Amino acid sequence: MINMDYSTHARGKLIKEYRDNNEIVSKEGVVLKDCIFPSISYAARFVTGKSQNGYDTWKVNDTTTLGEYLIDAGIRKIKRRNR
């Protein structure tokens, strides 16, 4: 399920089109069809309803973010600084 609250600052034409199409997202926020996004952050924004860094938002398990997993696997070279 996606967060149906959608921040006005988390813009995106594609996100709005997907969210507004009841064949793709139900009134309850259930995603009914596959959605394709240009980036993992865009997909995270679609799900959460606000601007997100996809590397920090998506998790491969309960404790490991996608970014951490990709760094550990040698696929992603950049390590983000803690804020």
C-alpha atoms as a PDB file:
ATOM      1  CA  MET A   1       0.000   0.000   0.000  1.00  0.00           C
ATOM      2  CA  ILE A   2       1.112   3.523  -0.673  1.00  0.00           C
ATOM      3  CA  ASN A   3       0.716   6.552   1.556  1.00  0.00           C
ATOM      4  CA  MET A   4      -2.290   8.390   0.108  1.00  0.00           C
ATOM      5  CA  ASP A   5      -1.214  11.693   1.709  1.00  0.00           C
ATOM      6  CA  TYR A   6       0.782  13.429  -0.971  1.00  0.00           C
ATOM      7  CA  SER A   7       2.920  16.468  -0.247  1.00  0.00           C
ATOM      8  CA  THR A   8       2.567  19.275  -2.758  1.00  0.00           C
ATOM      9  CA  HIS A   9       6.358  19.671  -2.855  1.00  0.00           C
ATOM     10  CA  ALA A  10       6.839  16.039  -3.910  1.00  0.00           C
ATOM     11  CA  ARG A  11       5.880  16.745  -7.479  1.00  0.00           C
ATOM     12  CA  GLY A  12       6.057  14.540 -10.477  1.00  0.00           C
ATOM     13  CA  LYS A  13       3.791  14.277 -13.489  1.00  0.00           C
ATOM     14  CA  LEU A  14       4.213  10.508 -13.728  1.00  0.00           C
ATOM     15  CA  ILE A  15       3.542  10.045 -10.011  1.00  0.00           C
ATOM     16  CA  LYS A  16       0.365  12.122 -10.232  1.00  0.00           C
ATOM     17  CA  GLU A  17      -0.803  10.187 -13.295  1.00  0.00           C
ATOM     18  CA  TYR A  18      -0.280   6.852 -11.519  1.00  0.00           C
ATOM     19  CA  ARG A  19      -1.891   8.010  -8.257  1.00  0.00           C
ATOM     20  CA  ASP A  20      -4.903   9.536 -10.018  1.00  0.00           C
ATOM     21  CA  ASN A  21      -5.586   6.440 -12.141  1.00  0.00           C
ATOM     22  CA  ASN A  22      -7.932   4.112 -10.216  1.00  0.00           C
ATOM     23  CA  GLU A  23      -6.891   1.229 -12.497  1.00  0.00           C
ATOM     24  CA  ILE A  24      -3.350   1.581 -11.091  1.00  0.00           C
ATOM     25  CA  VAL A  25      -3.963   2.673  -7.474  1.00  0.00           C
ATOM     26  CA  SER A  26      -7.167   1.918  -5.564  1.00  0.00           C
ATOM     27  CA  LYS A  27      -8.872   4.457  -3.281  1.00  0.00           C
ATOM     28  CA  GLU A  28      -7.305   2.573  -0.356  1.00  0.00           C
ATOM     29  CA  GLY A  29      -3.795   3.000  -1.756  1.00  0.00           C
ATOM     30  CA  VAL A  30      -3.307  -0.539  -3.057  1.00  0.00           C
ATOM     31  CA  VAL A  31      -1.133  -0.658  -6.175  1.00  0.00           C
ATOM     32  CA  LEU A  32      -3.067  -2.742  -8.697  1.00  0.00           C
ATOM     33  CA  LYS A  33      -0.615  -2.766 -11.628  1.00  0.00           C
ATOM     34  CA  ASP A  34       3.129  -2.617 -12.118  1.00  0.00           C
ATOM     35  CA  CYS A  35       4.528   0.909 -12.313  1.00  0.00           C
ATOM     36  CA  ILE A  36       7.785   1.854 -13.993  1.00  0.00           C
ATOM     37  CA  PHE A  37       9.797   4.815 -12.683  1.00  0.00           C
ATOM     38  CA  PRO A  38      12.940   6.523 -13.976  1.00  0.00           C
ATOM     39  CA  SER A  39      14.743   6.114 -10.636  1.00  0.00           C
ATOM     40  CA  ILE A  40      14.509   4.409  -7.264  1.00  0.00           C
ATOM     41  CA  SER A  41      13.994   7.791  -5.602  1.00  0.00           C
ATOM     42  CA  TYR A  42      11.042   8.543  -7.884  1.00  0.00           C
ATOM     43  CA  ALA A  43       9.521   5.168  -6.941  1.00  0.00           C
ATOM     44  CA  ALA A  44      10.080   5.900  -3.241  1.00  0.00           C
ATOM     45  CA  ARG A  45       8.375   9.267  -3.686  1.00  0.00           C
ATOM     46  CA  PHE A  46       5.393   7.497  -5.285  1.00  0.00           C
ATOM     47  CA  VAL A  47       5.043   5.132  -2.315  1.00  0.00           C
ATOM     48  CA  THR A  48       5.686   7.572   0.538  1.00  0.00           C
ATOM     49  CA  GLY A  49       4.050  10.689  -0.897  1.00  0.00           C
ATOM     50  CA  LYS A  50       7.063  12.891  -0.213  1.00  0.00           C
ATOM     51  CA  SER A  51      10.572  13.497  -1.517  1.00  0.00           C
ATOM     52  CA  GLN A  52      12.852  10.584  -0.683  1.00  0.00           C
ATOM     53  CA  ASN A  53      16.306   9.260  -1.398  1.00  0.00           C
ATOM     54  CA  GLY A  54      15.590   5.801  -2.780  1.00  0.00           C
ATOM     55  CA  TYR A  55      18.942   4.415  -1.628  1.00  0.00           C
ATOM     56  CA  ASP A  56      17.960   5.239   1.964  1.00  0.00           C
ATOM     57  CA  THR A  57      14.225   4.465   1.719  1.00  0.00           C
ATOM     58  CA  TRP A  58      14.210   0.989   0.178  1.00  0.00           C
ATOM     59  CA  LYS A  59      15.304  -1.869   2.411  1.00  0.00           C
ATOM     60  CA  VAL A  60      16.600  -5.282   1.395  1.00  0.00           C
ATOM     61  CA  ASN A  61      15.855  -6.600   4.882  1.00  0.00           C
ATOM     62  CA  ASP A  62      14.828  -5.144   8.263  1.00  0.00           C
ATOM     63  CA  THR A  63      18.141  -3.376   8.862  1.00  0.00           C
ATOM     64  CA  THR A  64      19.927  -2.898   5.523  1.00  0.00           C
ATOM     65  CA  THR A  65      19.087  -0.133   3.070  1.00  0.00           C
ATOM     66  CA  LEU A  66      19.418  -0.680  -0.660  1.00  0.00           C
ATOM     67  CA  GLY A  67      22.286   1.831  -0.699  1.00  0.00           C
ATOM     68  CA  GLU A  68      24.202  -0.068   1.979  1.00  0.00           C
ATOM     69  CA  TYR A  69      23.587  -3.364   0.208  1.00  0.00           C
ATOM     70  CA  LEU A  70      24.851  -2.014  -3.127  1.00  0.00           C
ATOM     71  CA  ILE A  71      27.967  -0.548  -1.486  1.00  0.00           C
ATOM     72  CA  ASP A  72      28.711  -3.827   0.305  1.00  0.00           C
ATOM     73  CA  ALA A  73      28.213  -5.727  -2.973  1.00  0.00           C
ATOM     74  CA  GLY A  74      30.674  -3.393  -4.724  1.00  0.00           C
ATOM     75  CA  ILE A  75      27.995  -2.136  -7.124  1.00  0.00           C
ATOM     76  CA  ARG A  76      27.649   1.377  -5.703  1.00  0.00           C
ATOM     77  CA  LYS A  77      30.862   3.256  -5.018  1.00  0.00           C
ATOM     78  CA  ILE A  78      29.629   6.355  -3.205  1.00  0.00           C
ATOM     79  CA  LYS A  79      28.959   6.372   0.487  1.00  0.00           C
ATOM     80  CA  ARG A  80      26.675   9.164   1.658  1.00  0.00           C
ATOM     81  CA  ARG A  81      27.672  11.301   4.616  1.00  0.00           C
ATOM     82  CA  ASN A  82      25.486  11.131   7.700  1.00  0.00           C
ATOM     83  CA  ARG A  83      23.355  14.207   8.080  1.00  0.00           C
END
